[in-house]
Protein backbone atom coordinates (compact mmCIF):
# COMPACT_ATOMS: atom_id res chain seq x y z
CA LEU A 1 62.28 -128.97 240.98
CA ILE A 2 59.90 -129.86 237.92
CA THR A 3 59.48 -125.78 237.50
CA SER A 4 63.09 -125.59 237.33
CA LEU A 5 63.99 -128.51 235.15
CA ILE A 6 61.09 -126.36 232.50
CA VAL A 7 62.95 -123.36 233.07
CA ASP A 8 66.34 -124.78 232.20
CA ALA A 9 65.08 -127.31 229.49
CA ASP A 10 63.37 -123.81 227.59
CA PHE A 11 66.62 -121.99 228.20
CA LEU A 12 68.67 -124.33 226.77
CA SER A 13 66.77 -124.87 223.61
CA MET A 14 66.60 -121.23 222.79
CA GLY A 15 70.44 -121.35 222.27
CA GLU A 16 72.87 -123.88 220.20
CA GLU A 17 71.45 -127.72 220.19
CA VAL A 18 72.46 -129.22 222.96
CA GLN A 19 72.59 -132.60 223.77
CA GLN A 20 69.95 -133.28 226.75
CA ARG A 21 69.05 -136.62 229.15
CA CYS A 22 65.41 -137.22 229.59
CA VAL A 23 63.15 -137.38 232.80
CA CYS A 24 60.12 -138.73 233.11
CA PHE A 25 57.74 -137.25 235.61
CA VAL A 26 54.61 -138.90 236.58
CA ALA A 27 52.02 -137.17 238.52
CA ALA A 28 48.10 -137.59 239.76
CA TYR A 29 45.90 -135.41 240.68
CA ARG A 30 42.00 -135.19 240.42
CA ASN A 31 39.85 -133.23 238.11
CA HIS A 32 38.92 -130.73 240.34
CA GLU A 33 42.15 -129.95 242.19
CA GLU A 34 43.25 -128.25 238.48
CA CYS A 35 41.33 -124.99 239.66
CA SER A 36 41.27 -125.29 243.22
CA ASN A 37 44.94 -125.45 243.76
CA GLU A 38 46.64 -122.61 242.39
CA LYS A 39 50.06 -123.78 242.57
CA LEU A 40 49.19 -126.78 240.74
CA SER A 41 47.00 -124.55 238.23
CA HIS A 42 50.11 -122.51 237.59
CA LEU A 43 52.41 -126.19 237.05
CA LEU A 44 50.24 -127.39 234.59
CA GLU A 45 50.30 -123.94 232.80
CA ALA A 46 54.17 -123.76 232.95
CA LEU A 47 54.16 -127.88 230.91
CA LYS A 48 51.80 -126.66 228.71
CA ASN A 49 53.65 -123.49 227.35
CA SER A 50 57.12 -125.46 227.39
CA THR A 51 58.36 -125.69 224.04
CA THR A 52 60.41 -129.00 225.21
CA VAL A 53 58.25 -130.98 227.35
CA HIS A 54 56.12 -132.99 226.49
CA ILE A 55 52.78 -134.33 228.03
CA THR A 56 50.69 -137.12 227.66
CA THR A 57 47.31 -136.74 229.69
CA LEU A 58 45.46 -140.02 230.71
CA ASN A 59 41.93 -139.82 232.66
CA LEU A 60 41.75 -142.74 234.87
CA GLY A 61 37.93 -143.73 235.98
CA GLY A 62 37.13 -146.05 238.75
CA ILE A 63 37.43 -150.21 238.11
CA SER A 64 34.70 -151.27 236.68
CA LEU A 65 31.86 -153.86 238.20
CA GLU A 66 33.46 -157.29 236.83
CA GLY A 67 36.71 -155.64 238.40
CA THR A 68 34.86 -154.61 242.08
CA ASN A 69 33.54 -158.51 241.90
CA ARG A 70 36.62 -160.38 241.36
CA MET A 71 38.38 -157.71 243.91
CA ILE A 72 35.30 -158.57 246.87
CA ALA A 73 35.13 -162.47 245.95
CA ASN A 74 38.91 -162.25 246.62
CA MET A 75 38.51 -160.87 249.60
CA LEU A 76 35.82 -162.62 250.73
CA LYS A 77 37.19 -166.09 249.45
CA LEU A 78 33.67 -166.95 247.39
CA PRO A 79 32.88 -167.63 243.78
CA ILE A 80 32.09 -164.34 242.02
CA ARG A 81 28.52 -165.90 241.36
CA LEU A 82 27.40 -165.66 245.11
CA THR A 83 29.20 -162.07 245.44
CA ARG A 84 27.44 -160.39 242.28
CA PRO A 85 24.56 -158.89 244.82
CA LEU A 86 26.73 -157.39 246.83
CA CYS A 87 29.26 -156.52 244.36
CA GLU A 88 26.50 -154.09 242.76
CA VAL A 89 25.66 -152.36 246.09
CA VAL A 90 29.50 -151.82 246.87
CA HIS A 91 30.16 -151.04 243.06
CA ARG A 92 27.72 -148.16 243.51
CA LYS A 93 28.16 -146.65 246.65
CA ALA A 94 32.18 -146.73 246.05
CA ARG A 95 32.08 -145.10 242.78
CA GLY A 96 34.46 -148.04 241.72
CA ASN A 97 37.54 -146.75 243.64
CA PRO A 98 39.18 -149.65 245.03
CA LEU A 99 40.19 -147.91 248.34
CA PHE A 100 36.50 -146.70 248.70
CA VAL A 101 35.79 -150.51 248.34
CA ARG A 102 37.62 -151.64 250.91
CA MET A 103 36.88 -148.90 253.75
CA PHE A 104 33.25 -150.09 252.85
CA LEU A 105 33.83 -153.44 253.78
CA SER A 106 35.52 -152.71 256.62
CA VAL A 107 32.43 -150.83 258.01
CA LEU A 108 30.29 -153.31 257.20
CA PHE A 109 31.96 -155.58 258.67
CA GLU A 110 32.17 -153.63 261.77
CA GLU A 111 28.68 -152.43 261.76
CA HIS A 112 27.59 -156.34 261.85
CA ALA A 113 26.41 -155.96 258.16
CA LEU A 114 29.05 -159.03 257.13
CA THR A 115 29.68 -161.42 259.51
CA TYR A 116 31.35 -164.53 259.16
CA SER A 117 29.45 -168.01 259.57
CA LEU A 118 30.78 -170.21 261.39
CA LYS A 119 27.88 -172.99 261.02
CA GLU A 120 28.30 -171.56 257.29
CA LYS A 121 31.81 -171.50 257.01
CA ARG A 122 31.48 -168.20 255.15
CA TRP A 123 30.88 -164.78 254.69
CA LEU A 124 27.06 -163.77 254.54
CA TRP A 125 25.75 -160.11 254.60
CA ASP A 126 22.30 -158.64 254.62
CA ILE A 127 21.65 -156.97 251.72
CA ASP A 128 19.05 -154.62 252.47
CA ASP A 129 21.03 -153.18 255.79
CA ILE A 130 24.15 -153.08 253.05
CA ARG A 131 21.94 -150.70 250.92
CA GLN A 132 20.72 -148.41 253.67
CA THR A 133 24.37 -147.90 254.74
CA SER A 134 25.51 -144.06 253.52
CA MET A 135 28.52 -143.80 251.36
CA ASP A 136 28.42 -141.27 248.79
CA GLU A 137 28.38 -138.21 251.11
CA GLU A 138 29.65 -139.26 254.66
CA LEU A 139 33.19 -141.34 253.65
CA ALA A 140 34.90 -138.46 255.23
CA LEU A 141 32.72 -139.21 258.45
CA ILE A 142 33.22 -142.75 258.13
CA LEU A 143 37.19 -142.50 257.96
CA SER A 144 37.39 -139.90 260.72
CA GLN A 145 35.49 -142.11 263.01
CA LYS A 146 37.71 -145.15 261.92
CA VAL A 147 40.54 -142.60 262.74
CA SER A 148 38.85 -142.02 266.09
CA ARG A 149 38.23 -145.63 267.24
CA MET A 150 42.38 -145.98 267.17
CA SER A 151 43.95 -145.55 270.59
CA GLN A 152 44.72 -141.89 271.43
CA ASP A 153 48.78 -142.90 270.83
CA VAL A 154 47.88 -144.10 267.32
CA GLN A 155 45.64 -140.86 266.75
CA GLN A 156 48.59 -138.74 267.58
CA ALA A 157 51.06 -140.45 265.60
CA LEU A 158 48.94 -140.50 262.55
CA THR A 159 48.11 -136.71 262.90
CA LEU A 160 51.66 -135.79 263.17
CA VAL A 161 52.15 -137.82 259.43
CA SER A 162 49.07 -135.56 258.00
CA CYS A 163 51.42 -132.50 259.29
CA PHE A 164 53.57 -133.53 256.09
CA GLY A 165 50.65 -134.00 253.54
CA MET A 166 50.47 -137.50 252.06
CA ARG A 167 53.67 -138.94 252.74
CA VAL A 168 56.99 -138.59 254.85
CA GLU A 169 59.98 -140.02 255.04
CA GLY A 170 60.64 -142.39 258.55
CA ASP A 171 63.95 -140.73 258.73
CA VAL A 172 62.29 -137.11 258.74
CA LEU A 173 59.94 -139.20 261.16
CA ARG A 174 62.48 -139.95 263.65
CA MET A 175 63.81 -136.56 264.14
CA THR A 176 60.86 -135.33 265.33
CA SER A 177 61.02 -137.37 268.37
CA ARG A 178 63.15 -136.23 271.33
CA ASP A 179 64.62 -139.76 272.05
CA GLU A 180 64.68 -143.55 270.68
CA ASP A 181 62.14 -144.83 273.23
CA GLU A 182 59.39 -141.68 271.82
CA PHE A 183 60.39 -143.11 267.99
CA SER A 184 59.81 -146.39 269.48
CA LYS A 185 56.46 -146.06 270.66
CA MET A 186 55.65 -143.90 267.33
CA SER A 187 56.57 -146.52 265.08
CA ARG A 188 54.58 -149.23 267.26
CA CYS A 189 51.34 -146.72 267.04
CA LEU A 190 52.43 -146.66 263.11
CA GLU A 191 52.50 -150.23 262.86
CA SER A 192 49.04 -150.63 264.16
CA ALA A 193 47.52 -148.00 261.67
CA ILE A 194 49.11 -149.95 258.86
CA GLN A 195 47.53 -153.28 259.95
CA GLU A 196 44.27 -150.89 260.01
CA ASN A 197 44.74 -150.19 256.37
CA LEU A 198 45.20 -146.37 257.63
CA LEU A 199 48.61 -145.94 255.91
CA GLU A 200 50.54 -147.76 254.09
CA MET A 201 54.91 -148.43 253.68
CA ASP A 202 55.90 -147.25 250.57
CA GLY A 203 59.67 -147.75 250.61
CA LYS A 204 60.76 -145.86 253.25
CA TYR A 205 57.95 -143.31 253.12
CA TYR A 206 55.16 -143.69 255.18
CA ALA A 207 51.64 -142.57 253.12
CA PHE A 208 48.32 -142.62 253.15
CA PRO A 209 46.49 -144.46 251.01
CA HIS A 210 43.60 -141.22 250.33
CA ASP A 211 43.97 -137.36 251.22
CA LEU A 212 40.39 -138.09 252.85
CA VAL A 213 42.84 -140.48 255.49
CA GLN A 214 44.77 -137.61 255.77
CA GLN A 215 42.74 -134.90 255.77
CA ALA A 216 40.78 -137.34 258.79
CA ALA A 217 43.76 -137.54 260.93
CA TYR A 218 44.62 -134.09 260.55
CA GLU A 219 41.43 -132.41 261.04
CA ARG A 220 41.11 -134.03 264.85
CA LEU A 221 42.54 -130.25 266.21
CA LEU A 222 41.50 -127.50 266.70
CA ASP A 223 43.49 -124.53 264.14
CA GLU A 224 45.48 -123.24 266.97
CA GLU A 225 46.60 -126.70 268.18
CA VAL A 226 48.01 -127.48 264.55
CA LEU A 227 49.67 -124.23 264.38
CA SER A 228 51.75 -125.18 267.56
CA LEU A 229 51.86 -128.90 266.27
CA HIS A 230 53.94 -127.51 263.00
CA PHE A 231 55.58 -125.01 265.08
CA ASN A 232 56.83 -127.23 267.58
CA VAL A 233 57.12 -130.40 265.03
CA GLY A 234 60.20 -127.51 263.04
CA LEU A 235 61.62 -127.11 266.17
CA GLN A 236 62.67 -130.15 266.96
CA ILE A 237 63.47 -131.54 263.88
CA LEU A 238 65.65 -128.14 263.70
CA LYS A 239 67.26 -129.42 267.38
CA ASN A 240 68.21 -132.71 266.51
CA ALA A 241 69.77 -131.87 262.88
CA SER A 242 71.52 -129.25 264.62
CA HIS A 243 74.91 -130.54 264.34
CA SER A 244 74.42 -130.28 260.47
CA ILE A 245 73.67 -126.56 260.21
CA THR A 246 76.56 -125.40 262.22
CA VAL A 247 78.38 -124.86 258.73
CA GLU A 248 78.06 -120.92 257.70
CA ASN A 249 77.85 -121.34 254.42
CA GLY A 250 77.12 -124.72 253.40
CA SER A 251 74.45 -126.73 252.26
CA LEU A 252 71.30 -127.69 254.25
CA PRO A 253 70.08 -131.07 254.34
CA SER A 254 66.57 -132.32 252.95
CA THR A 255 65.51 -132.41 257.00
CA ILE A 256 66.04 -128.67 257.64
CA PHE A 257 63.78 -128.19 254.34
CA ALA A 258 61.29 -130.57 256.11
CA ALA A 259 61.87 -128.36 259.69
CA LEU A 260 61.19 -124.84 257.85
CA GLU A 261 58.33 -125.68 255.89
CA GLN A 262 56.77 -126.91 259.16
CA VAL A 263 57.69 -123.50 261.13
CA ALA A 264 56.60 -121.81 257.85
CA ILE A 265 52.75 -123.07 257.77
CA ALA A 266 52.63 -121.97 261.72
CA LYS A 267 53.22 -118.18 260.03
CA ASP A 268 50.70 -116.74 262.65
CA LEU A 269 52.53 -117.64 265.78
CA THR A 270 54.94 -115.21 267.29
CA VAL A 271 58.18 -116.01 268.33
CA SER A 272 59.51 -113.88 271.18
CA GLU A 273 62.86 -115.20 272.11
CA PRO A 274 65.61 -113.20 270.12
CA THR A 275 68.01 -116.14 270.01
CA LEU A 276 65.37 -118.20 268.17
CA ARG A 277 64.49 -115.67 265.33
CA VAL A 278 67.52 -114.60 264.57
CA THR A 279 68.33 -118.33 263.61
CA LEU A 280 64.83 -118.69 262.17
CA ALA A 281 65.75 -115.77 260.13
CA THR A 282 69.17 -117.03 259.17
CA LEU A 283 67.76 -120.66 258.12
CA PHE A 284 64.93 -118.92 256.03
CA LEU A 285 67.62 -116.99 254.26
CA ARG A 286 69.72 -119.71 253.21
CA ALA A 287 66.92 -122.02 252.37
CA GLY A 288 65.61 -119.18 250.00
CA ASN A 289 68.68 -118.80 248.25
CA ARG A 290 69.06 -122.56 247.52
CA TYR A 291 65.09 -122.17 246.03
CA PHE A 292 66.52 -119.45 244.37
CA GLU A 293 69.61 -120.87 242.97
CA LEU A 294 66.95 -123.92 241.42
CA ALA A 295 64.96 -121.25 240.13
CA ALA A 296 62.03 -122.48 242.63
CA PHE A 297 60.57 -118.28 242.68
CA PRO A 298 57.56 -118.42 244.80
CA SER A 299 58.90 -121.01 246.99
CA ALA A 300 62.40 -118.89 247.40
CA LEU A 301 59.92 -115.60 247.84
CA SER A 302 58.17 -117.66 250.58
CA PHE A 303 60.67 -118.36 252.77
CA PHE A 304 62.32 -114.68 252.46
CA GLU A 305 59.15 -113.32 253.39
CA ARG A 306 58.99 -116.21 256.26
CA GLY A 307 62.83 -114.89 257.08
CA LEU A 308 61.89 -111.29 257.42
CA SER A 309 59.17 -111.73 260.08
CA PHE A 310 61.86 -112.77 262.23
CA MET A 311 63.50 -109.43 262.57
């Protein structure tokens, strides 16, 4: 969408003066992702080369030591002078990241390095134990262990959400269920994950609070199992949304694009059923044409190639 808007705006600016409406986009990414993520790199390059798009870059760091201390003092309901020694250790290990601070305190509680004293009616901690608790290089392991402590049903629900990336619309998740009872069970599992700070509700979207949480949920399965899950999720959405794709030349709803993206990820799986192969090839063709109309050429090419693979 952003690429399409850049192309359209630049094209219009080459001709007669046209009154245009403005659109503001706000995006966030880590510095190292600009080099490691090819799509992001191309998008940033297109933005920099555009004659009509104005970019403002803000470099965001972690919260200050004082900010971390206020955060911890508020969580533990203690004066900031008492939490200062704890804050200095936690701030250094969490590198000022608010999510890491919260997750680290949760780990300290589970390992009994942070306990509540009924006698003193306040939280107490062993600062020496906390100094020895690894955080800097083991955050992914900590998050993975936190996910693995959840019930199997909650873990499966988190893995399902992780297949869609950092966030997914609730209506799309509903389409992955075979019936309403299955969706109700999954909703209860996701609510448990939200209570454990492994997931958040962002309007009508389920969202991971950090990409390492998404990674921990996604990497529970072997590569072959993940591909099979992506494929089956895509087929289930297509099955539930079959009523919306009966029109030959009609536009496809967003749920169909979500389903096809899941099927596209499982490109190494072989589909032997002739009818299914024709159906998928047709849908990928229609979706590719739609991307082409939006000038999203890389996505269009990817969908065309995936559709051809079924022929």
